[in-house]
Amino acid sequence: MEFKDRLLQLRKEKNMSREELAKKLNLSYSAISKYETGARTPDDDIKKKIAEYFNVSLDYLMGVSDIRYPYKEEDEKLSDLDKFLLELKKKAIERGIEFNEDSVDDLLDLYEFIKSRNKKSN
């Protein structure tokens, strides 16, 4: 299966229109249309954004593997904090909010602040 087929499949699984997906990914309708028809291939940054949005590996998205998320078992071993941060990242991406390493540092600072406040309250 090729990238264009995977993208179409993933979008349809979410019952999304091309317009909805374009809006979620901060792309144009035309770009999504061209990706799905194979007229154009996105750059690596866009591929990563699409994979993160659909919560699949790049290998799955590109048709290299049929395993959607090979690291799922590893995720089950994550701490509650890590799971929380991954969930925040997913929600941010779904809402079209930029999420990068600085965002993680800011969230960790906030977490430490809240934790220290809770200790003082007890």
PDB file of N, CA and C in Angstrom:
ATOM      1  N   MET A   1       0.855  -1.179   0.000  1.00  0.00           N
ATOM      2  CA  MET A   1       0.000   0.000   0.000  1.00  0.00           C
ATOM      3  C   MET A   1       0.896   1.236   0.000  1.00  0.00           C
ATOM      4  N   GLU A   2       0.568   2.201  -0.795  1.00  0.00           N
ATOM      5  CA  GLU A   2       1.348   3.435  -0.911  1.00  0.00           C
ATOM      6  C   GLU A   2       0.844   4.504   0.058  1.00  0.00           C
ATOM      7  N   PHE A   3       1.656   5.557   0.207  1.00  0.00           N
ATOM      8  CA  PHE A   3       1.300   6.669   1.079  1.00  0.00           C
ATOM      9  C   PHE A   3      -0.097   7.198   0.760  1.00  0.00           C
ATOM     10  N   LYS A   4      -0.365   7.435  -0.514  1.00  0.00           N
ATOM     11  CA  LYS A   4      -1.653   8.035  -0.898  1.00  0.00           C
ATOM     12  C   LYS A   4      -2.828   7.175  -0.442  1.00  0.00           C
ATOM     13  N   ASP A   5      -2.659   5.859  -0.531  1.00  0.00           N
ATOM     14  CA  ASP A   5      -3.720   4.940  -0.113  1.00  0.00           C
ATOM     15  C   ASP A   5      -3.895   4.942   1.404  1.00  0.00           C
ATOM     16  N   ARG A   6      -2.766   4.973   2.116  1.00  0.00           N
ATOM     17  CA  ARG A   6      -2.822   5.007   3.588  1.00  0.00           C
ATOM     18  C   ARG A   6      -3.502   6.279   4.078  1.00  0.00           C
ATOM     19  N   LEU A   7      -3.134   7.396   3.476  1.00  0.00           N
ATOM     20  CA  LEU A   7      -3.724   8.662   3.892  1.00  0.00           C
ATOM     21  C   LEU A   7      -5.239   8.644   3.693  1.00  0.00           C
ATOM     22  N   LEU A   8      -5.662   8.190   2.538  1.00  0.00           N
ATOM     23  CA  LEU A   8      -7.097   8.102   2.253  1.00  0.00           C
ATOM     24  C   LEU A   8      -7.783   7.171   3.248  1.00  0.00           C
ATOM     25  N   GLN A   9      -7.183   6.033   3.496  1.00  0.00           N
ATOM     26  CA  GLN A   9      -7.743   5.052   4.426  1.00  0.00           C
ATOM     27  C   GLN A   9      -7.874   5.643   5.833  1.00  0.00           C
ATOM     28  N   LEU A  10      -6.827   6.276   6.312  1.00  0.00           N
ATOM     29  CA  LEU A  10      -6.845   6.851   7.655  1.00  0.00           C
ATOM     30  C   LEU A  10      -7.880   7.964   7.777  1.00  0.00           C
ATOM     31  N   ARG A  11      -7.964   8.788   6.750  1.00  0.00           N
ATOM     32  CA  ARG A  11      -8.952   9.880   6.781  1.00  0.00           C
ATOM     33  C   ARG A  11     -10.369   9.325   6.817  1.00  0.00           C
ATOM     34  N   LYS A  12     -10.629   8.309   5.995  1.00  0.00           N
ATOM     35  CA  LYS A  12     -11.974   7.720   5.956  1.00  0.00           C
ATOM     36  C   LYS A  12     -12.319   6.997   7.258  1.00  0.00           C
ATOM     37  N   GLU A  13     -11.321   6.388   7.892  1.00  0.00           N
ATOM     38  CA  GLU A  13     -11.567   5.725   9.179  1.00  0.00           C
ATOM     39  C   GLU A  13     -12.064   6.718  10.224  1.00  0.00           C
ATOM     40  N   LYS A  14     -11.619   7.953  10.106  1.00  0.00           N
ATOM     41  CA  LYS A  14     -12.061   8.999  11.047  1.00  0.00           C
ATOM     42  C   LYS A  14     -13.314   9.723  10.542  1.00  0.00           C
ATOM     43  N   ASN A  15     -13.835   9.248   9.402  1.00  0.00           N
ATOM     44  CA  ASN A  15     -15.021   9.885   8.800  1.00  0.00           C
ATOM     45  C   ASN A  15     -14.816  11.386   8.601  1.00  0.00           C
ATOM     46  N   MET A  16     -13.666  11.726   8.067  1.00  0.00           N
ATOM     47  CA  MET A  16     -13.332  13.132   7.853  1.00  0.00           C
ATOM     48  C   MET A  16     -13.362  13.464   6.368  1.00  0.00           C
ATOM     49  N   SER A  17     -13.726  14.682   6.082  1.00  0.00           N
ATOM     50  CA  SER A  17     -13.616  15.172   4.712  1.00  0.00           C
ATOM     51  C   SER A  17     -12.186  15.668   4.502  1.00  0.00           C
ATOM     52  N   ARG A  18     -11.840  15.897   3.265  1.00  0.00           N
ATOM     53  CA  ARG A  18     -10.517  16.463   2.981  1.00  0.00           C
ATOM     54  C   ARG A  18     -10.383  17.835   3.621  1.00  0.00           C
ATOM     55  N   GLU A  19     -11.459  18.600   3.601  1.00  0.00           N
ATOM     56  CA  GLU A  19     -11.437  19.936   4.200  1.00  0.00           C
ATOM     57  C   GLU A  19     -11.161  19.862   5.696  1.00  0.00           C
ATOM     58  N   GLU A  20     -11.822  18.910   6.374  1.00  0.00           N
ATOM     59  CA  GLU A  20     -11.621  18.773   7.819  1.00  0.00           C
ATOM     60  C   GLU A  20     -10.176  18.398   8.136  1.00  0.00           C
ATOM     61  N   LEU A  21      -9.637  17.448   7.379  1.00  0.00           N
ATOM     62  CA  LEU A  21      -8.260  17.032   7.613  1.00  0.00           C
ATOM     63  C   LEU A  21      -7.296  18.177   7.322  1.00  0.00           C
ATOM     64  N   ALA A  22      -7.537  18.888   6.257  1.00  0.00           N
ATOM     65  CA  ALA A  22      -6.680  20.027   5.914  1.00  0.00           C
ATOM     66  C   ALA A  22      -6.670  21.044   7.053  1.00  0.00           C
ATOM     67  N   LYS A  23      -7.826  21.320   7.605  1.00  0.00           N
ATOM     68  CA  LYS A  23      -7.931  22.277   8.702  1.00  0.00           C
ATOM     69  C   LYS A  23      -7.187  21.780   9.942  1.00  0.00           C
ATOM     70  N   LYS A  24      -7.347  20.501  10.273  1.00  0.00           N
ATOM     71  CA  LYS A  24      -6.683  19.920  11.445  1.00  0.00           C
ATOM     72  C   LYS A  24      -5.163  19.975  11.313  1.00  0.00           C
ATOM     73  N   LEU A  25      -4.664  19.782  10.097  1.00  0.00           N
ATOM     74  CA  LEU A  25      -3.226  19.745   9.866  1.00  0.00           C
ATOM     75  C   LEU A  25      -2.657  21.094   9.436  1.00  0.00           C
ATOM     76  N   ASN A  26      -3.538  22.082   9.341  1.00  0.00           N
ATOM     77  CA  ASN A  26      -3.135  23.428   8.905  1.00  0.00           C
ATOM     78  C   ASN A  26      -2.535  23.386   7.492  1.00  0.00           C
ATOM     79  N   LEU A  27      -3.199  22.648   6.630  1.00  0.00           N
ATOM     80  CA  LEU A  27      -2.815  22.531   5.227  1.00  0.00           C
ATOM     81  C   LEU A  27      -3.993  22.959   4.361  1.00  0.00           C
ATOM     82  N   SER A  28      -3.777  23.039   3.066  1.00  0.00           N
ATOM     83  CA  SER A  28      -4.869  23.394   2.167  1.00  0.00           C
ATOM     84  C   SER A  28      -5.619  22.138   1.706  1.00  0.00           C
ATOM     85  N   TYR A  29      -6.860  22.329   1.318  1.00  0.00           N
ATOM     86  CA  TYR A  29      -7.646  21.245   0.739  1.00  0.00           C
ATOM     87  C   TYR A  29      -6.919  20.674  -0.478  1.00  0.00           C
ATOM     88  N   SER A  30      -6.362  21.558  -1.280  1.00  0.00           N
ATOM     89  CA  SER A  30      -5.652  21.165  -2.490  1.00  0.00           C
ATOM     90  C   SER A  30      -4.476  20.237  -2.177  1.00  0.00           C
ATOM     91  N   ALA A  31      -3.744  20.544  -1.113  1.00  0.00           N
ATOM     92  CA  ALA A  31      -2.599  19.705  -0.735  1.00  0.00           C
ATOM     93  C   ALA A  31      -3.069  18.301  -0.375  1.00  0.00           C
ATOM     94  N   ILE A  32      -4.109  18.207   0.445  1.00  0.00           N
ATOM     95  CA  ILE A  32      -4.640  16.891   0.833  1.00  0.00           C
ATOM     96  C   ILE A  32      -5.109  16.135  -0.396  1.00  0.00           C
ATOM     97  N   SER A  33      -5.812  16.812  -1.274  1.00  0.00           N
ATOM     98  CA  SER A  33      -6.307  16.195  -2.504  1.00  0.00           C
ATOM     99  C   SER A  33      -5.154  15.642  -3.346  1.00  0.00           C
ATOM    100  N   LYS A  34      -4.111  16.434  -3.492  1.00  0.00           N
ATOM    101  CA  LYS A  34      -2.958  15.999  -4.290  1.00  0.00           C
ATOM    102  C   LYS A  34      -2.223  14.837  -3.634  1.00  0.00           C
ATOM    103  N   TYR A  35      -2.144  14.847  -2.301  1.00  0.00           N
ATOM    104  CA  TYR A  35      -1.498  13.733  -1.599  1.00  0.00           C
ATOM    105  C   TYR A  35      -2.292  12.444  -1.807  1.00  0.00           C
ATOM    106  N   GLU A  36      -3.610  12.544  -1.714  1.00  0.00           N
ATOM    107  CA  GLU A  36      -4.450  11.346  -1.843  1.00  0.00           C
ATOM    108  C   GLU A  36      -4.527  10.805  -3.263  1.00  0.00           C
ATOM    109  N   THR A  37      -4.340  11.644  -4.230  1.00  0.00           N
ATOM    110  CA  THR A  37      -4.376  11.168  -5.620  1.00  0.00           C
ATOM    111  C   THR A  37      -2.989  10.773  -6.121  1.00  0.00           C
ATOM    112  N   GLY A  38      -1.976  11.076  -5.331  1.00  0.00           N
ATOM    113  CA  GLY A  38      -0.608  10.746  -5.721  1.00  0.00           C
ATOM    114  C   GLY A  38       0.034  11.769  -6.637  1.00  0.00           C
ATOM    115  N   ALA A  39      -0.653  12.888  -6.860  1.00  0.00           N
ATOM    116  CA  ALA A  39      -0.106  13.934  -7.719  1.00  0.00           C
ATOM    117  C   ALA A  39       1.067  14.647  -7.047  1.00  0.00           C
ATOM    118  N   ARG A  40       1.113  14.556  -5.724  1.00  0.00           N
ATOM    119  CA  ARG A  40       2.162  15.226  -4.961  1.00  0.00           C
ATOM    120  C   ARG A  40       2.467  14.416  -3.705  1.00  0.00           C
ATOM    121  N   THR A  41       3.701  14.483  -3.247  1.00  0.00           N
ATOM    122  CA  THR A  41       4.105  13.814  -2.011  1.00  0.00           C
ATOM    123  C   THR A  41       4.546  14.876  -1.021  1.00  0.00           C
ATOM    124  N   PRO A  42       4.080  14.779   0.218  1.00  0.00           N
ATOM    125  CA  PRO A  42       4.456  15.799   1.202  1.00  0.00           C
ATOM    126  C   PRO A  42       5.918  15.677   1.612  1.00  0.00           C
ATOM    127  N   ASP A  43       6.466  16.769   2.133  1.00  0.00           N
ATOM    128  CA  ASP A  43       7.835  16.707   2.653  1.00  0.00           C
ATOM    129  C   ASP A  43       7.830  15.941   3.977  1.00  0.00           C
ATOM    130  N   ASP A  44       9.008  15.687   4.492  1.00  0.00           N
ATOM    131  CA  ASP A  44       9.128  14.857   5.695  1.00  0.00           C
ATOM    132  C   ASP A  44       8.419  15.457   6.907  1.00  0.00           C
ATOM    133  N   ASP A  45       8.477  16.777   7.064  1.00  0.00           N
ATOM    134  CA  ASP A  45       7.809  17.408   8.204  1.00  0.00           C
ATOM    135  C   ASP A  45       6.300  17.196   8.157  1.00  0.00           C
ATOM    136  N   ILE A  46       5.729  17.295   6.968  1.00  0.00           N
ATOM    137  CA  ILE A  46       4.282  17.079   6.821  1.00  0.00           C
ATOM    138  C   ILE A  46       3.950  15.604   7.067  1.00  0.00           C
ATOM    139  N   LYS A  47       4.791  14.715   6.584  1.00  0.00           N
ATOM    140  CA  LYS A  47       4.562  13.278   6.830  1.00  0.00           C
ATOM    141  C   LYS A  47       4.545  12.998   8.332  1.00  0.00           C
ATOM    142  N   LYS A  48       5.493  13.590   9.062  1.00  0.00           N
ATOM    143  CA  LYS A  48       5.534  13.393  10.515  1.00  0.00           C
ATOM    144  C   LYS A  48       4.267  13.936  11.171  1.00  0.00           C
ATOM    145  N   LYS A  49       3.831  15.090  10.708  1.00  0.00           N
ATOM    146  CA  LYS A  49       2.623  15.712  11.250  1.00  0.00           C
ATOM    147  C   LYS A  49       1.402  14.814  11.022  1.00  0.00           C
ATOM    148  N   ILE A  50       1.311  14.236   9.831  1.00  0.00           N
ATOM    149  CA  ILE A  50       0.200  13.349   9.493  1.00  0.00           C
ATOM    150  C   ILE A  50       0.267  12.086  10.350  1.00  0.00           C
ATOM    151  N   ALA A  51       1.447  11.498  10.469  1.00  0.00           N
ATOM    152  CA  ALA A  51       1.614  10.283  11.275  1.00  0.00           C
ATOM    153  C   ALA A  51       1.241  10.545  12.733  1.00  0.00           C
ATOM    154  N   GLU A  52       1.670  11.674  13.272  1.00  0.00           N
ATOM    155  CA  GLU A  52       1.334  12.014  14.651  1.00  0.00           C
ATOM    156  C   GLU A  52      -0.161  12.222  14.813  1.00  0.00           C
ATOM    157  N   TYR A  53      -0.765  12.900  13.864  1.00  0.00           N
ATOM    158  CA  TYR A  53      -2.204  13.153  13.963  1.00  0.00           C
ATOM    159  C   TYR A  53      -2.991  11.848  14.002  1.00  0.00           C
ATOM    160  N   PHE A  54      -2.634  10.902  13.135  1.00  0.00           N
ATOM    161  CA  PHE A  54      -3.352   9.633  13.073  1.00  0.00           C
ATOM    162  C   PHE A  54      -2.797   8.586  14.047  1.00  0.00           C
ATOM    163  N   ASN A  55      -1.766   8.973  14.790  1.00  0.00           N
ATOM    164  CA  ASN A  55      -1.143   8.088  15.770  1.00  0.00           C
ATOM    165  C   ASN A  55      -0.675   6.774  15.139  1.00  0.00           C
ATOM    166  N   VAL A  56       0.060   6.908  14.042  1.00  0.00           N
ATOM    167  CA  VAL A  56       0.652   5.751  13.364  1.00  0.00           C
ATOM    168  C   VAL A  56       2.133   6.032  13.141  1.00  0.00           C
ATOM    169  N   SER A  57       2.888   4.965  12.901  1.00  0.00           N
ATOM    170  CA  SER A  57       4.308   5.148  12.614  1.00  0.00           C
ATOM    171  C   SER A  57       4.478   5.651  11.183  1.00  0.00           C
ATOM    172  N   LEU A  58       5.620   6.254  10.927  1.00  0.00           N
ATOM    173  CA  LEU A  58       5.924   6.680   9.553  1.00  0.00           C
ATOM    174  C   LEU A  58       6.008   5.476   8.623  1.00  0.00           C
ATOM    175  N   ASP A  59       6.530   4.361   9.117  1.00  0.00           N
ATOM    176  CA  ASP A  59       6.601   3.145   8.299  1.00  0.00           C
ATOM    177  C   ASP A  59       5.207   2.712   7.854  1.00  0.00           C
ATOM    178  N   TYR A  60       4.255   2.774   8.771  1.00  0.00           N
ATOM    179  CA  TYR A  60       2.882   2.416   8.408  1.00  0.00           C
ATOM    180  C   TYR A  60       2.332   3.415   7.397  1.00  0.00           C
ATOM    181  N   LEU A  61       2.507   4.687   7.681  1.00  0.00           N
ATOM    182  CA  LEU A  61       1.982   5.724   6.792  1.00  0.00           C
ATOM    183  C   LEU A  61       2.545   5.592   5.378  1.00  0.00           C
ATOM    184  N   MET A  62       3.820   5.245   5.282  1.00  0.00           N
ATOM    185  CA  MET A  62       4.473   5.145   3.976  1.00  0.00           C
ATOM    186  C   MET A  62       4.251   3.791   3.296  1.00  0.00           C
ATOM    187  N   GLY A  63       3.566   2.872   3.972  1.00  0.00           N
ATOM    188  CA  GLY A  63       3.286   1.577   3.364  1.00  0.00           C
ATOM    189  C   GLY A  63       4.416   0.572   3.497  1.00  0.00           C
ATOM    190  N   VAL A  64       5.406   0.884   4.329  1.00  0.00           N
ATOM    191  CA  VAL A  64       6.537  -0.019   4.531  1.00  0.00           C
ATOM    192  C   VAL A  64       6.138  -1.164   5.462  1.00  0.00           C
ATOM    193  N   SER A  65       5.227  -0.887   6.384  1.00  0.00           N
ATOM    194  CA  SER A  65       4.801  -1.868   7.376  1.00  0.00           C
ATOM    195  C   SER A  65       3.289  -1.831   7.527  1.00  0.00           C
ATOM    196  N   ASP A  66       2.730  -2.949   7.963  1.00  0.00           N
ATOM    197  CA  ASP A  66       1.301  -2.985   8.247  1.00  0.00           C
ATOM    198  C   ASP A  66       1.021  -2.830   9.737  1.00  0.00           C
ATOM    199  N   ILE A  67       2.061  -2.609  10.518  1.00  0.00           N
ATOM    200  CA  ILE A  67       1.905  -2.397  11.952  1.00  0.00           C
ATOM    201  C   ILE A  67       1.757  -0.893  12.173  1.00  0.00           C
ATOM    202  N   ARG A  68       0.583  -0.510  12.632  1.00  0.00           N
ATOM    203  CA  ARG A  68       0.297   0.920  12.774  1.00  0.00           C
ATOM    204  C   ARG A  68       1.210   1.627  13.759  1.00  0.00           C
ATOM    205  N   TYR A  69       1.425   1.012  14.905  1.00  0.00           N
ATOM    206  CA  TYR A  69       2.233   1.664  15.930  1.00  0.00           C
ATOM    207  C   TYR A  69       3.053   0.608  16.652  1.00  0.00           C
ATOM    208  N   PRO A  70       4.246   0.328  16.144  1.00  0.00           N
ATOM    209  CA  PRO A  70       5.042  -0.767  16.699  1.00  0.00           C
ATOM    210  C   PRO A  70       5.534  -0.526  18.124  1.00  0.00           C
ATOM    211  N   TYR A  71       5.413   0.696  18.626  1.00  0.00           N
ATOM    212  CA  TYR A  71       5.931   1.015  19.945  1.00  0.00           C
ATOM    213  C   TYR A  71       4.851   0.989  21.019  1.00  0.00           C
ATOM    214  N   LYS A  72       3.669   0.529  20.677  1.00  0.00           N
ATOM    215  CA  LYS A  72       2.543   0.541  21.601  1.00  0.00           C
ATOM    216  C   LYS A  72       2.875  -0.182  22.908  1.00  0.00           C
ATOM    217  N   GLU A  73       3.517  -1.334  22.795  1.00  0.00           N
ATOM    218  CA  GLU A  73       3.871  -2.084  23.993  1.00  0.00           C
ATOM    219  C   GLU A  73       4.787  -1.250  24.894  1.00  0.00           C
ATOM    220  N   GLU A  74       5.704  -0.519  24.295  1.00  0.00           N
ATOM    221  CA  GLU A  74       6.593   0.341  25.067  1.00  0.00           C
ATOM    222  C   GLU A  74       5.813   1.445  25.775  1.00  0.00           C
ATOM    223  N   ASP A  75       4.769   1.966  25.103  1.00  0.00           N
ATOM    224  CA  ASP A  75       3.969   3.034  25.700  1.00  0.00           C
ATOM    225  C   ASP A  75       3.324   2.583  27.002  1.00  0.00           C
ATOM    226  N   GLU A  76       2.991   1.291  27.085  1.00  0.00           N
ATOM    227  CA  GLU A  76       2.341   0.787  28.287  1.00  0.00           C
ATOM    228  C   GLU A  76       3.286   0.832  29.489  1.00  0.00           C
ATOM    229  N   LYS A  77       4.582   0.935  29.242  1.00  0.00           N
ATOM    230  CA  LYS A  77       5.575   0.989  30.313  1.00  0.00           C
ATOM    231  C   LYS A  77       5.886   2.424  30.723  1.00  0.00           C
ATOM    232  N   LEU A  78       5.285   3.389  30.071  1.00  0.00           N
ATOM    233  CA  LEU A  78       5.574   4.790  30.360  1.00  0.00           C
ATOM    234  C   LEU A  78       5.003   5.200  31.711  1.00  0.00           C
ATOM    235  N   SER A  79       5.636   6.191  32.314  1.00  0.00           N
ATOM    236  CA  SER A  79       5.126   6.733  33.571  1.00  0.00           C
ATOM    237  C   SER A  79       3.835   7.504  33.292  1.00  0.00           C
ATOM    238  N   ASP A  80       3.118   7.774  34.355  1.00  0.00           N
ATOM    239  CA  ASP A  80       1.886   8.555  34.206  1.00  0.00           C
ATOM    240  C   ASP A  80       2.176   9.931  33.625  1.00  0.00           C
ATOM    241  N   LEU A  81       3.291  10.520  34.027  1.00  0.00           N
ATOM    242  CA  LEU A  81       3.661  11.834  33.504  1.00  0.00           C
ATOM    243  C   LEU A  81       3.912  11.768  32.004  1.00  0.00           C
ATOM    244  N   ASP A  82       4.669  10.755  31.570  1.00  0.00           N
ATOM    245  CA  ASP A  82       4.946  10.608  30.141  1.00  0.00           C
ATOM    246  C   ASP A  82       3.662  10.383  29.351  1.00  0.00           C
ATOM    247  N   LYS A  83       2.762   9.565  29.883  1.00  0.00           N
ATOM    248  CA  LYS A  83       1.481   9.318  29.205  1.00  0.00           C
ATOM    249  C   LYS A  83       0.683  10.617  29.107  1.00  0.00           C
ATOM    250  N   PHE A  84       0.710  11.399  30.192  1.00  0.00           N
ATOM    251  CA  PHE A  84       0.015  12.684  30.210  1.00  0.00           C
ATOM    252  C   PHE A  84       0.578  13.618  29.151  1.00  0.00           C
ATOM    253  N   LEU A  85       1.921  13.694  29.057  1.00  0.00           N
ATOM    254  CA  LEU A  85       2.556  14.564  28.072  1.00  0.00           C
ATOM    255  C   LEU A  85       2.253  14.104  26.648  1.00  0.00           C
ATOM    256  N   LEU A  86       2.256  12.800  26.415  1.00  0.00           N
ATOM    257  CA  LEU A  86       1.909  12.291  25.080  1.00  0.00           C
ATOM    258  C   LEU A  86       0.471  12.625  24.716  1.00  0.00           C
ATOM    259  N   GLU A  87      -0.418  12.530  25.691  1.00  0.00           N
ATOM    260  CA  GLU A  87      -1.823  12.864  25.447  1.00  0.00           C
ATOM    261  C   GLU A  87      -1.969  14.360  25.149  1.00  0.00           C
ATOM    262  N   LEU A  88      -1.254  15.198  25.883  1.00  0.00           N
ATOM    263  CA  LEU A  88      -1.281  16.640  25.615  1.00  0.00           C
ATOM    264  C   LEU A  88      -0.758  16.940  24.214  1.00  0.00           C
ATOM    265  N   LYS A  89       0.317  16.268  23.832  1.00  0.00           N
ATOM    266  CA  LYS A  89       0.889  16.466  22.502  1.00  0.00           C
ATOM    267  C   LYS A  89      -0.126  16.089  21.437  1.00  0.00           C
ATOM    268  N   LYS A  90      -0.787  14.955  21.623  1.00  0.00           N
ATOM    269  CA  LYS A  90      -1.788  14.500  20.656  1.00  0.00           C
ATOM    270  C   LYS A  90      -2.927  15.525  20.543  1.00  0.00           C
ATOM    271  N   LYS A  91      -3.413  16.005  21.683  1.00  0.00           N
ATOM    272  CA  LYS A  91      -4.507  16.992  21.680  1.00  0.00           C
ATOM    273  C   LYS A  91      -4.064  18.291  21.008  1.00  0.00           C
ATOM    274  N   ALA A  92      -2.832  18.708  21.273  1.00  0.00           N
ATOM    275  CA  ALA A  92      -2.324  19.938  20.657  1.00  0.00           C
ATOM    276  C   ALA A  92      -2.269  19.788  19.147  1.00  0.00           C
ATOM    277  N   ILE A  93      -1.769  18.663  18.679  1.00  0.00           N
ATOM    278  CA  ILE A  93      -1.672  18.428  17.239  1.00  0.00           C
ATOM    279  C   ILE A  93      -3.056  18.379  16.608  1.00  0.00           C
ATOM    280  N   GLU A  94      -4.002  17.722  17.283  1.00  0.00           N
ATOM    281  CA  GLU A  94      -5.378  17.661  16.771  1.00  0.00           C
ATOM    282  C   GLU A  94      -5.978  19.052  16.613  1.00  0.00           C
ATOM    283  N   ARG A  95      -5.584  19.958  17.474  1.00  0.00           N
ATOM    284  CA  ARG A  95      -6.122  21.324  17.450  1.00  0.00           C
ATOM    285  C   ARG A  95      -5.270  22.282  16.621  1.00  0.00           C
ATOM    286  N   GLY A  96      -4.246  21.735  15.985  1.00  0.00           N
ATOM    287  CA  GLY A  96      -3.403  22.562  15.128  1.00  0.00           C
ATOM    288  C   GLY A  96      -2.439  23.446  15.882  1.00  0.00           C
ATOM    289  N   ILE A  97      -2.144  23.084  17.129  1.00  0.00           N
ATOM    290  CA  ILE A  97      -1.226  23.869  17.949  1.00  0.00           C
ATOM    291  C   ILE A  97       0.178  23.296  17.787  1.00  0.00           C
ATOM    292  N   GLU A  98       1.145  24.183  17.580  1.00  0.00           N
ATOM    293  CA  GLU A  98       2.541  23.763  17.471  1.00  0.00           C
ATOM    294  C   GLU A  98       2.978  23.113  18.778  1.00  0.00           C
ATOM    295  N   PHE A  99       3.618  21.974  18.694  1.00  0.00           N
ATOM    296  CA  PHE A  99       4.097  21.269  19.887  1.00  0.00           C
ATOM    297  C   PHE A  99       5.508  20.804  19.618  1.00  0.00           C
ATOM    298  N   ASN A 100       6.467  21.327  20.389  1.00  0.00           N
ATOM    299  CA  ASN A 100       7.866  20.978  20.168  1.00  0.00           C
ATOM    300  C   ASN A 100       8.566  20.765  21.505  1.00  0.00           C
ATOM    301  N   GLU A 101       9.890  20.664  21.473  1.00  0.00           N
ATOM    302  CA  GLU A 101      10.654  20.405  22.697  1.00  0.00           C
ATOM    303  C   GLU A 101      10.454  21.509  23.734  1.00  0.00           C
ATOM    304  N   ASP A 102      10.339  22.753  23.296  1.00  0.00           N
ATOM    305  CA  ASP A 102      10.104  23.851  24.235  1.00  0.00           C
ATOM    306  C   ASP A 102       8.774  23.678  24.949  1.00  0.00           C
ATOM    307  N   SER A 103       7.777  23.176  24.230  1.00  0.00           N
ATOM    308  CA  SER A 103       6.463  22.934  24.831  1.00  0.00           C
ATOM    309  C   SER A 103       6.579  21.915  25.959  1.00  0.00           C
ATOM    310  N   VAL A 104       7.358  20.868  25.726  1.00  0.00           N
ATOM    311  CA  VAL A 104       7.548  19.837  26.745  1.00  0.00           C
ATOM    312  C   VAL A 104       8.227  20.442  27.969  1.00  0.00           C
ATOM    313  N   ASP A 105       9.267  21.247  27.754  1.00  0.00           N
ATOM    314  CA  ASP A 105       9.957  21.890  28.879  1.00  0.00           C
ATOM    315  C   ASP A 105       9.004  22.784  29.670  1.00  0.00           C
ATOM    316  N   ASP A 106       8.173  23.538  28.968  1.00  0.00           N
ATOM    317  CA  ASP A 106       7.199  24.403  29.637  1.00  0.00           C
ATOM    318  C   ASP A 106       6.217  23.577  30.458  1.00  0.00           C
ATOM    319  N   LEU A 107       5.755  22.469  29.890  1.00  0.00           N
ATOM    320  CA  LEU A 107       4.810  21.603  30.603  1.00  0.00           C
ATOM    321  C   LEU A 107       5.460  20.963  31.825  1.00  0.00           C
ATOM    322  N   LEU A 108       6.716  20.553  31.682  1.00  0.00           N
ATOM    323  CA  LEU A 108       7.420  19.963  32.826  1.00  0.00           C
ATOM    324  C   LEU A 108       7.609  20.987  33.943  1.00  0.00           C
ATOM    325  N   ASP A 109       7.932  22.225  33.575  1.00  0.00           N
ATOM    326  CA  ASP A 109       8.046  23.292  34.577  1.00  0.00           C
ATOM    327  C   ASP A 109       6.720  23.501  35.291  1.00  0.00           C
ATOM    328  N   LEU A 110       5.642  23.527  34.533  1.00  0.00           N
ATOM    329  CA  LEU A 110       4.318  23.692  35.118  1.00  0.00           C
ATOM    330  C   LEU A 110       3.982  22.524  36.043  1.00  0.00           C
ATOM    331  N   TYR A 111       4.297  21.322  35.596  1.00  0.00           N
ATOM    332  CA  TYR A 111       4.049  20.131  36.404  1.00  0.00           C
ATOM    333  C   TYR A 111       4.801  20.200  37.734  1.00  0.00           C
ATOM    334  N   GLU A 112       6.081  20.571  37.680  1.00  0.00           N
ATOM    335  CA  GLU A 112       6.889  20.679  38.895  1.00  0.00           C
ATOM    336  C   GLU A 112       6.328  21.758  39.825  1.00  0.00           C
ATOM    337  N   PHE A 113       5.874  22.852  39.242  1.00  0.00           N
ATOM    338  CA  PHE A 113       5.282  23.929  40.037  1.00  0.00           C
ATOM    339  C   PHE A 113       4.022  23.433  40.747  1.00  0.00           C
ATOM    340  N   ILE A 114       3.155  22.758  40.026  1.00  0.00           N
ATOM    341  CA  ILE A 114       1.908  22.241  40.620  1.00  0.00           C
ATOM    342  C   ILE A 114       2.230  21.224  41.705  1.00  0.00           C
ATOM    343  N   LYS A 115       3.198  20.360  41.430  1.00  0.00           N
ATOM    344  CA  LYS A 115       3.592  19.348  42.401  1.00  0.00           C
ATOM    345  C   LYS A 115       4.112  19.994  43.692  1.00  0.00           C
ATOM    346  N   SER A 116       4.923  21.033  43.549  1.00  0.00           N
ATOM    347  CA  SER A 116       5.454  21.703  44.739  1.00  0.00           C
ATOM    348  C   SER A 116       4.340  22.417  45.517  1.00  0.00           C
ATOM    349  N   ARG A 117       3.398  22.980  44.820  1.00  0.00           N
ATOM    350  CA  ARG A 117       2.253  23.656  45.473  1.00  0.00           C
ATOM    351  C   ARG A 117       1.408  22.631  46.247  1.00  0.00           C
ATOM    352  N   ASN A 118       1.228  21.463  45.659  1.00  0.00           N
ATOM    353  CA  ASN A 118       0.447  20.411  46.330  1.00  0.00           C
ATOM    354  C   ASN A 118       1.156  19.946  47.603  1.00  0.00           C
ATOM    355  N   LYS A 119       2.474  19.848  47.570  1.00  0.00           N
ATOM    356  CA  LYS A 119       3.240  19.430  48.748  1.00  0.00           C
ATOM    357  C   LYS A 119       3.107  20.469  49.854  1.00  0.00           C
ATOM    358  N   LYS A 120       3.114  21.761  49.487  1.00  0.00           N
ATOM    359  CA  LYS A 120       2.983  22.827  50.491  1.00  0.00           C
ATOM    360  C   LYS A 120       1.600  22.830  51.109  1.00  0.00           C
ATOM    361  N   SER A 121       0.587  22.453  50.319  1.00  0.00           N
ATOM    362  CA  SER A 121      -0.808  22.430  50.806  1.00  0.00           C
ATOM    363  C   SER A 121      -1.026  21.302  51.796  1.00  0.00           C
ATOM    364  N   ASN A 122      -0.282  20.226  51.651  1.00  0.00           N
ATOM    365  CA  ASN A 122      -0.477  19.051  52.511  1.00  0.00           C
ATOM    366  C   ASN A 122       0.269  19.162  53.778  1.00  0.00           C
TER     367      ASN A 122
END
